[in-house]
Amino acid sequence: MLNSRFPRVLAVAMGVLFSVSVVSNTTASPFDQTLYSKLSVSAPNISRDVLKSALQASQCAVSSGLEKPKRLAVIDFSLPSSEKRLWIFDLENGALVLRDLVAHGKNSGLNQASAFSNIEGSHQSSIGLFQARETYRGKHGYSLRLDGLEEGINDLARQRAIVIHGADYVDTAWVRNYGRIGRSHGCPAVSQKVIRQVVDSLKGGQFVFTYYPDQRWLQSSDYLNCGSTQMAGTASNAGSNERI
């Protein structure tokens, strides 16, 4: 009787071990508290919760198979466009590279963004984790394509031609005259004064994290809730249209 039960017990035990192995391979690496502390010191004006979410999402993406980035851009769309709400961090040295203005889509709001979309033609910004890809020269000059990594949230970014480009309306003069900067068709447009630095800092696979306290996204994002579901992966759409 004992011998007949042994194969079944062994099979159950092996199944449990296999399940544990699978789970351990899909969960994120431990949160890097040292890096978080360094970046917090280098950028005292960024929300600690936003920074922590950006690092958690980035580390989850790396644990799911994406190459570890050298730099990370964080955009906090909970702040008005009249404030400098773009930060670019050097993850290797734990240092701040740049803080500057960044635009949101014209249908996301006036000075304060509150509506976001993954839909073609919505002229709204998207939230979530992106990977910056190749550079190109278009009607806005030197620009950078983005691939959205979150299924149903921003994974149509390339199809929508959501890119980083320079714009004359992203300037402190607009804030003085109108109380806000201008708006795009959904792209995170930046000042012409910093566009080259932004593109060169992020091209070739660096991460861009855009934040807004949208509860549905916060609770369902694969990258903010790492290991619970399968990652969307890098978008493969190859649309080439541009948006302003």
C-alpha atoms as a PDB file:
ATOM      1  CA  MET A   1       0.000   0.000   0.000  1.00  0.00           C
ATOM      2  CA  LEU A   2       2.831   2.333   0.936  1.00  0.00           C
ATOM      3  CA  ASN A   3       4.643   1.620  -2.308  1.00  0.00           C
ATOM      4  CA  SER A   4       1.532   2.334  -4.428  1.00  0.00           C
ATOM      5  CA  ARG A   5       1.035   5.741  -2.801  1.00  0.00           C
ATOM      6  CA  PHE A   6       4.648   6.835  -3.085  1.00  0.00           C
ATOM      7  CA  PRO A   7       4.577   7.794  -6.800  1.00  0.00           C
ATOM      8  CA  ARG A   8       1.497   9.965  -6.232  1.00  0.00           C
ATOM      9  CA  VAL A   9       3.051  11.714  -3.220  1.00  0.00           C
ATOM     10  CA  LEU A  10       6.244  12.298  -5.190  1.00  0.00           C
ATOM     11  CA  ALA A  11       4.283  13.745  -8.128  1.00  0.00           C
ATOM     12  CA  VAL A  12       2.432  16.167  -5.843  1.00  0.00           C
ATOM     13  CA  ALA A  13       5.680  17.259  -4.224  1.00  0.00           C
ATOM     14  CA  MET A  14       7.331  17.851  -7.597  1.00  0.00           C
ATOM     15  CA  GLY A  15       4.319  19.865  -8.729  1.00  0.00           C
ATOM     16  CA  VAL A  16       4.563  22.117  -5.695  1.00  0.00           C
ATOM     17  CA  LEU A  17       8.282  22.671  -6.282  1.00  0.00           C
ATOM     18  CA  PHE A  18       7.638  23.505  -9.930  1.00  0.00           C
ATOM     19  CA  SER A  19       4.909  26.006  -8.980  1.00  0.00           C
ATOM     20  CA  VAL A  20       7.205  27.734  -6.522  1.00  0.00           C
ATOM     21  CA  SER A  21       9.922  27.927  -9.174  1.00  0.00           C
ATOM     22  CA  VAL A  22       7.542  29.526 -11.688  1.00  0.00           C
ATOM     23  CA  VAL A  23       6.324  32.093  -9.177  1.00  0.00           C
ATOM     24  CA  SER A  24       9.874  33.020  -8.175  1.00  0.00           C
ATOM     25  CA  ASN A  25      10.777  33.631 -11.813  1.00  0.00           C
ATOM     26  CA  THR A  26       7.868  36.008 -12.430  1.00  0.00           C
ATOM     27  CA  THR A  27       8.107  38.193  -9.346  1.00  0.00           C
ATOM     28  CA  ALA A  28      10.074  41.406  -9.230  1.00  0.00           C
ATOM     29  CA  SER A  29      13.502  41.737  -7.727  1.00  0.00           C
ATOM     30  CA  PRO A  30      13.622  43.322  -4.257  1.00  0.00           C
ATOM     31  CA  PHE A  31      12.979  47.074  -4.222  1.00  0.00           C
ATOM     32  CA  ASP A  32      16.266  49.019  -4.417  1.00  0.00           C
ATOM     33  CA  GLN A  33      15.995  51.192  -1.323  1.00  0.00           C
ATOM     34  CA  THR A  34      19.511  52.578  -1.756  1.00  0.00           C
ATOM     35  CA  LEU A  35      18.781  53.868  -5.268  1.00  0.00           C
ATOM     36  CA  TYR A  36      15.449  55.268  -4.098  1.00  0.00           C
ATOM     37  CA  SER A  37      17.195  57.173  -1.295  1.00  0.00           C
ATOM     38  CA  LYS A  38      19.810  58.625  -3.655  1.00  0.00           C
ATOM     39  CA  LEU A  39      17.214  59.781  -6.171  1.00  0.00           C
ATOM     40  CA  SER A  40      15.059  61.269  -3.418  1.00  0.00           C
ATOM     41  CA  VAL A  41      17.991  63.416  -2.304  1.00  0.00           C
ATOM     42  CA  SER A  42      18.857  64.436  -5.875  1.00  0.00           C
ATOM     43  CA  ALA A  43      15.240  65.485  -6.612  1.00  0.00           C
ATOM     44  CA  PRO A  44      13.701  66.792  -3.367  1.00  0.00           C
ATOM     45  CA  ASN A  45      10.649  68.212  -5.158  1.00  0.00           C
ATOM     46  CA  ILE A  46       9.389  64.951  -6.649  1.00  0.00           C
ATOM     47  CA  SER A  47       6.584  63.086  -4.892  1.00  0.00           C
ATOM     48  CA  ARG A  48       8.060  60.175  -2.966  1.00  0.00           C
ATOM     49  CA  ASP A  49       5.092  57.975  -3.884  1.00  0.00           C
ATOM     50  CA  VAL A  50       5.503  58.778  -7.584  1.00  0.00           C
ATOM     51  CA  LEU A  51       9.235  58.077  -7.498  1.00  0.00           C
ATOM     52  CA  LYS A  52       8.701  54.807  -5.671  1.00  0.00           C
ATOM     53  CA  SER A  53       6.051  53.726  -8.189  1.00  0.00           C
ATOM     54  CA  ALA A  54       8.368  54.580 -11.085  1.00  0.00           C
ATOM     55  CA  LEU A  55      11.185  52.494  -9.617  1.00  0.00           C
ATOM     56  CA  GLN A  56       8.878  49.590  -8.788  1.00  0.00           C
ATOM     57  CA  ALA A  57       7.490  49.550 -12.333  1.00  0.00           C
ATOM     58  CA  SER A  58      10.988  49.751 -13.826  1.00  0.00           C
ATOM     59  CA  GLN A  59      12.371  46.950 -11.680  1.00  0.00           C
ATOM     60  CA  CYS A  60       9.363  44.790 -12.518  1.00  0.00           C
ATOM     61  CA  ALA A  61       9.927  45.361 -16.241  1.00  0.00           C
ATOM     62  CA  VAL A  62      13.555  44.301 -15.881  1.00  0.00           C
ATOM     63  CA  SER A  63      12.585  41.194 -13.933  1.00  0.00           C
ATOM     64  CA  SER A  64      10.169  40.301 -16.740  1.00  0.00           C
ATOM     65  CA  GLY A  65      12.968  40.291 -19.293  1.00  0.00           C
ATOM     66  CA  LEU A  66      13.584  43.845 -20.498  1.00  0.00           C
ATOM     67  CA  GLU A  67      17.132  45.179 -20.481  1.00  0.00           C
ATOM     68  CA  LYS A  68      18.044  47.205 -17.411  1.00  0.00           C
ATOM     69  CA  PRO A  69      17.902  50.909 -18.288  1.00  0.00           C
ATOM     70  CA  LYS A  70      20.626  53.421 -17.523  1.00  0.00           C
ATOM     71  CA  ARG A  71      18.181  56.296 -17.222  1.00  0.00           C
ATOM     72  CA  LEU A  72      14.572  56.802 -16.200  1.00  0.00           C
ATOM     73  CA  ALA A  73      12.227  59.686 -17.027  1.00  0.00           C
ATOM     74  CA  VAL A  74       9.361  60.368 -14.642  1.00  0.00           C
ATOM     75  CA  ILE A  75       6.401  62.577 -15.600  1.00  0.00           C
ATOM     76  CA  ASP A  76       3.942  63.484 -12.853  1.00  0.00           C
ATOM     77  CA  PHE A  77       0.693  64.446 -14.588  1.00  0.00           C
ATOM     78  CA  SER A  78      -0.944  65.095 -11.219  1.00  0.00           C
ATOM     79  CA  LEU A  79       0.957  68.410 -11.263  1.00  0.00           C
ATOM     80  CA  PRO A  80      -0.176  71.355 -13.416  1.00  0.00           C
ATOM     81  CA  SER A  81       1.622  72.027 -16.697  1.00  0.00           C
ATOM     82  CA  SER A  82       2.872  75.342 -15.319  1.00  0.00           C
ATOM     83  CA  GLU A  83       5.210  73.383 -13.017  1.00  0.00           C
ATOM     84  CA  LYS A  84       8.328  71.458 -13.971  1.00  0.00           C
ATOM     85  CA  ARG A  85       6.917  67.929 -13.796  1.00  0.00           C
ATOM     86  CA  LEU A  86       9.478  65.998 -15.870  1.00  0.00           C
ATOM     87  CA  TRP A  87      12.485  64.452 -14.149  1.00  0.00           C
ATOM     88  CA  ILE A  88      15.214  62.409 -15.843  1.00  0.00           C
ATOM     89  CA  PHE A  89      17.389  60.280 -13.565  1.00  0.00           C
ATOM     90  CA  ASP A  90      20.738  58.576 -14.048  1.00  0.00           C
ATOM     91  CA  LEU A  91      20.105  55.171 -12.463  1.00  0.00           C
ATOM     92  CA  GLU A  92      23.749  54.140 -12.509  1.00  0.00           C
ATOM     93  CA  ASN A  93      24.908  57.107 -10.427  1.00  0.00           C
ATOM     94  CA  GLY A  94      21.674  57.841  -8.568  1.00  0.00           C
ATOM     95  CA  ALA A  95      21.665  61.419  -9.858  1.00  0.00           C
ATOM     96  CA  LEU A  96      19.232  63.897 -11.378  1.00  0.00           C
ATOM     97  CA  VAL A  97      19.987  64.683 -15.034  1.00  0.00           C
ATOM     98  CA  LEU A  98      17.216  67.167 -15.799  1.00  0.00           C
ATOM     99  CA  ARG A  99      14.004  68.670 -14.458  1.00  0.00           C
ATOM    100  CA  ASP A 100      11.820  70.653 -16.853  1.00  0.00           C
ATOM    101  CA  LEU A 101       8.374  71.405 -18.259  1.00  0.00           C
ATOM    102  CA  VAL A 102       6.413  68.837 -20.265  1.00  0.00           C
ATOM    103  CA  ALA A 103       3.092  69.120 -22.098  1.00  0.00           C
ATOM    104  CA  HIS A 104      -0.001  66.918 -21.989  1.00  0.00           C
ATOM    105  CA  GLY A 105      -2.639  66.304 -24.661  1.00  0.00           C
ATOM    106  CA  LYS A 106      -5.152  69.038 -25.409  1.00  0.00           C
ATOM    107  CA  ASN A 107      -8.097  66.784 -24.522  1.00  0.00           C
ATOM    108  CA  SER A 108      -6.516  65.738 -21.224  1.00  0.00           C
ATOM    109  CA  GLY A 109      -7.217  69.131 -19.647  1.00  0.00           C
ATOM    110  CA  LEU A 110      -6.137  72.775 -19.595  1.00  0.00           C
ATOM    111  CA  ASN A 111      -3.415  73.484 -17.043  1.00  0.00           C
ATOM    112  CA  GLN A 112      -4.317  70.385 -15.060  1.00  0.00           C
ATOM    113  CA  ALA A 113      -4.541  67.002 -16.821  1.00  0.00           C
ATOM    114  CA  SER A 114      -7.322  64.683 -15.664  1.00  0.00           C
ATOM    115  CA  ALA A 115      -8.315  62.515 -18.663  1.00  0.00           C
ATOM    116  CA  PHE A 116      -6.105  59.897 -20.305  1.00  0.00           C
ATOM    117  CA  SER A 117      -6.526  57.509 -23.207  1.00  0.00           C
ATOM    118  CA  ASN A 118      -5.001  54.740 -25.299  1.00  0.00           C
ATOM    119  CA  ILE A 119      -7.274  55.510 -28.260  1.00  0.00           C
ATOM    120  CA  GLU A 120      -6.180  56.751 -31.682  1.00  0.00           C
ATOM    121  CA  GLY A 121      -7.329  60.315 -32.319  1.00  0.00           C
ATOM    122  CA  SER A 122      -8.261  61.039 -28.699  1.00  0.00           C
ATOM    123  CA  HIS A 123      -5.601  63.774 -28.394  1.00  0.00           C
ATOM    124  CA  GLN A 124      -5.151  62.688 -24.804  1.00  0.00           C
ATOM    125  CA  SER A 125      -1.999  61.668 -22.975  1.00  0.00           C
ATOM    126  CA  SER A 126      -1.392  58.119 -21.780  1.00  0.00           C
ATOM    127  CA  ILE A 127      -0.149  57.003 -18.389  1.00  0.00           C
ATOM    128  CA  GLY A 128       2.002  54.030 -17.410  1.00  0.00           C
ATOM    129  CA  LEU A 129       5.414  52.645 -18.292  1.00  0.00           C
ATOM    130  CA  PHE A 130       6.975  53.223 -21.723  1.00  0.00           C
ATOM    131  CA  GLN A 131      10.252  52.273 -23.339  1.00  0.00           C
ATOM    132  CA  ALA A 132      11.985  54.946 -25.406  1.00  0.00           C
ATOM    133  CA  ARG A 133      13.187  53.560 -28.718  1.00  0.00           C
ATOM    134  CA  GLU A 134      14.632  55.073 -31.890  1.00  0.00           C
ATOM    135  CA  THR A 135      15.232  58.707 -32.820  1.00  0.00           C
ATOM    136  CA  TYR A 136      14.073  60.321 -36.059  1.00  0.00           C
ATOM    137  CA  ARG A 137      13.718  63.724 -37.683  1.00  0.00           C
ATOM    138  CA  GLY A 138      10.187  64.796 -38.523  1.00  0.00           C
ATOM    139  CA  LYS A 139       8.150  67.976 -38.770  1.00  0.00           C
ATOM    140  CA  HIS A 140       9.085  68.798 -35.165  1.00  0.00           C
ATOM    141  CA  GLY A 141      12.777  68.130 -35.724  1.00  0.00           C
ATOM    142  CA  TYR A 142      14.776  65.720 -33.589  1.00  0.00           C
ATOM    143  CA  SER A 143      12.277  63.374 -31.901  1.00  0.00           C
ATOM    144  CA  LEU A 144      12.033  60.064 -30.064  1.00  0.00           C
ATOM    145  CA  ARG A 145       9.557  57.213 -30.522  1.00  0.00           C
ATOM    146  CA  LEU A 146       7.946  55.514 -27.539  1.00  0.00           C
ATOM    147  CA  ASP A 147       6.578  52.005 -27.082  1.00  0.00           C
ATOM    148  CA  GLY A 148       3.900  51.615 -24.426  1.00  0.00           C
ATOM    149  CA  LEU A 149       4.405  48.521 -22.271  1.00  0.00           C
ATOM    150  CA  GLU A 150       1.033  48.318 -20.539  1.00  0.00           C
ATOM    151  CA  GLU A 151      -1.716  46.423 -22.338  1.00  0.00           C
ATOM    152  CA  GLY A 152      -4.899  48.443 -22.684  1.00  0.00           C
ATOM    153  CA  ILE A 153      -3.293  51.453 -21.006  1.00  0.00           C
ATOM    154  CA  ASN A 154      -0.603  52.718 -23.394  1.00  0.00           C
ATOM    155  CA  ASP A 155       0.337  49.842 -25.708  1.00  0.00           C
ATOM    156  CA  LEU A 156      -1.000  51.708 -28.772  1.00  0.00           C
ATOM    157  CA  ALA A 157       1.483  54.554 -28.281  1.00  0.00           C
ATOM    158  CA  ARG A 158       3.456  53.752 -31.432  1.00  0.00           C
ATOM    159  CA  GLN A 159       0.284  53.346 -33.483  1.00  0.00           C
ATOM    160  CA  ARG A 160      -0.912  56.696 -32.120  1.00  0.00           C
ATOM    161  CA  ALA A 161       2.505  58.258 -32.876  1.00  0.00           C
ATOM    162  CA  ILE A 162       2.972  59.291 -29.261  1.00  0.00           C
ATOM    163  CA  VAL A 163       6.553  60.574 -29.301  1.00  0.00           C
ATOM    164  CA  ILE A 164       8.804  62.969 -27.434  1.00  0.00           C
ATOM    165  CA  HIS A 165       9.441  66.103 -29.496  1.00  0.00           C
ATOM    166  CA  GLY A 166      10.255  69.743 -28.985  1.00  0.00           C
ATOM    167  CA  ALA A 167       7.602  72.473 -29.087  1.00  0.00           C
ATOM    168  CA  ASP A 168       7.720  76.270 -28.896  1.00  0.00           C
ATOM    169  CA  TYR A 169       4.670  76.269 -26.613  1.00  0.00           C
ATOM    170  CA  VAL A 170       6.578  74.433 -23.882  1.00  0.00           C
ATOM    171  CA  ASP A 171       8.247  77.501 -22.416  1.00  0.00           C
ATOM    172  CA  THR A 172       8.184  79.586 -19.254  1.00  0.00           C
ATOM    173  CA  ALA A 173       7.012  82.566 -21.351  1.00  0.00           C
ATOM    174  CA  TRP A 174       3.716  80.729 -21.882  1.00  0.00           C
ATOM    175  CA  VAL A 175       3.358  80.292 -18.128  1.00  0.00           C
ATOM    176  CA  ARG A 176       3.904  84.025 -17.579  1.00  0.00           C
ATOM    177  CA  ASN A 177       1.431  84.988 -20.303  1.00  0.00           C
ATOM    178  CA  TYR A 178      -1.273  82.319 -19.961  1.00  0.00           C
ATOM    179  CA  GLY A 179      -0.712  80.617 -16.615  1.00  0.00           C
ATOM    180  CA  ARG A 180       0.090  77.321 -18.366  1.00  0.00           C
ATOM    181  CA  ILE A 181       2.089  75.935 -21.270  1.00  0.00           C
ATOM    182  CA  GLY A 182       0.556  74.851 -24.552  1.00  0.00           C
ATOM    183  CA  ARG A 183      -0.864  71.392 -25.192  1.00  0.00           C
ATOM    184  CA  SER A 184      -0.031  68.628 -27.648  1.00  0.00           C
ATOM    185  CA  HIS A 185      -2.080  65.972 -29.448  1.00  0.00           C
ATOM    186  CA  GLY A 186      -1.080  63.508 -26.751  1.00  0.00           C
ATOM    187  CA  CYS A 187       2.717  63.633 -26.962  1.00  0.00           C
ATOM    188  CA  PRO A 188       4.874  64.505 -23.953  1.00  0.00           C
ATOM    189  CA  ALA A 189       6.340  67.529 -25.746  1.00  0.00           C
ATOM    190  CA  VAL A 190       9.262  69.362 -24.134  1.00  0.00           C
ATOM    191  CA  SER A 191      11.046  72.674 -24.595  1.00  0.00           C
ATOM    192  CA  GLN A 192      13.078  73.222 -27.736  1.00  0.00           C
ATOM    193  CA  LYS A 193      15.909  74.237 -25.396  1.00  0.00           C
ATOM    194  CA  VAL A 194      16.209  70.738 -23.920  1.00  0.00           C
ATOM    195  CA  ILE A 195      14.862  68.432 -26.635  1.00  0.00           C
ATOM    196  CA  ARG A 196      18.291  67.179 -27.718  1.00  0.00           C
ATOM    197  CA  GLN A 197      19.346  66.461 -24.141  1.00  0.00           C
ATOM    198  CA  VAL A 198      16.065  64.666 -23.426  1.00  0.00           C
ATOM    199  CA  VAL A 199      16.187  62.528 -26.570  1.00  0.00           C
ATOM    200  CA  ASP A 200      19.861  61.645 -26.203  1.00  0.00           C
ATOM    201  CA  SER A 201      19.345  60.734 -22.541  1.00  0.00           C
ATOM    202  CA  LEU A 202      16.443  58.376 -23.244  1.00  0.00           C
ATOM    203  CA  LYS A 203      17.005  56.855 -26.696  1.00  0.00           C
ATOM    204  CA  GLY A 204      17.815  53.202 -27.149  1.00  0.00           C
ATOM    205  CA  GLY A 205      15.655  51.528 -24.534  1.00  0.00           C
ATOM    206  CA  GLN A 206      15.493  53.801 -21.499  1.00  0.00           C
ATOM    207  CA  PHE A 207      12.251  53.914 -19.486  1.00  0.00           C
ATOM    208  CA  VAL A 208       9.631  56.659 -19.299  1.00  0.00           C
ATOM    209  CA  PHE A 209       7.069  56.501 -16.499  1.00  0.00           C
ATOM    210  CA  THR A 210       4.026  58.780 -16.649  1.00  0.00           C
ATOM    211  CA  TYR A 211       1.960  59.029 -13.491  1.00  0.00           C
ATOM    212  CA  TYR A 212      -1.548  60.067 -12.554  1.00  0.00           C
ATOM    213  CA  PRO A 213      -3.510  58.776  -9.529  1.00  0.00           C
ATOM    214  CA  ASP A 214      -5.982  56.815 -11.640  1.00  0.00           C
ATOM    215  CA  GLN A 215      -7.270  54.146  -9.275  1.00  0.00           C
ATOM    216  CA  ARG A 216      -8.131  51.606 -11.974  1.00  0.00           C
ATOM    217  CA  TRP A 217      -4.590  51.765 -13.342  1.00  0.00           C
ATOM    218  CA  LEU A 218      -2.956  51.765  -9.909  1.00  0.00           C
ATOM    219  CA  GLN A 219      -4.826  48.612  -8.944  1.00  0.00           C
ATOM    220  CA  SER A 220      -4.539  46.742 -12.247  1.00  0.00           C
ATOM    221  CA  SER A 221      -1.131  47.707 -13.666  1.00  0.00           C
ATOM    222  CA  ASP A 222       1.054  44.653 -14.202  1.00  0.00           C
ATOM    223  CA  TYR A 223       4.139  46.711 -13.452  1.00  0.00           C
ATOM    224  CA  LEU A 224       2.865  48.306 -10.267  1.00  0.00           C
ATOM    225  CA  ASN A 225       1.548  44.949  -9.035  1.00  0.00           C
ATOM    226  CA  CYS A 226       4.436  42.847 -10.203  1.00  0.00           C
ATOM    227  CA  GLY A 227       4.185  39.105 -10.691  1.00  0.00           C
ATOM    228  CA  SER A 228       0.391  38.878 -10.567  1.00  0.00           C
ATOM    229  CA  THR A 229      -0.195  38.727 -14.334  1.00  0.00           C
ATOM    230  CA  GLN A 230       1.707  38.414 -17.591  1.00  0.00           C
ATOM    231  CA  MET A 231       3.449  41.507 -18.919  1.00  0.00           C
ATOM    232  CA  ALA A 232       2.292  43.114 -22.130  1.00  0.00           C
ATOM    233  CA  GLY A 233       5.856  43.351 -23.456  1.00  0.00           C
ATOM    234  CA  THR A 234       7.263  45.824 -25.899  1.00  0.00           C
ATOM    235  CA  ALA A 235       4.740  47.068 -28.428  1.00  0.00           C
ATOM    236  CA  SER A 236       5.376  45.840 -31.961  1.00  0.00           C
ATOM    237  CA  ASN A 237       3.186  48.287 -33.888  1.00  0.00           C
ATOM    238  CA  ALA A 238       5.196  50.163 -36.468  1.00  0.00           C
ATOM    239  CA  GLY A 239       3.032  53.186 -37.261  1.00  0.00           C
ATOM    240  CA  SER A 240       4.991  56.161 -38.545  1.00  0.00           C
ATOM    241  CA  ASN A 241       2.496  59.043 -38.318  1.00  0.00           C
ATOM    242  CA  GLU A 242       3.362  62.001 -36.123  1.00  0.00           C
ATOM    243  CA  ARG A 243       1.298  64.043 -33.727  1.00  0.00           C
ATOM    244  CA  ILE A 244       1.929  67.519 -32.359  1.00  0.00           C
END
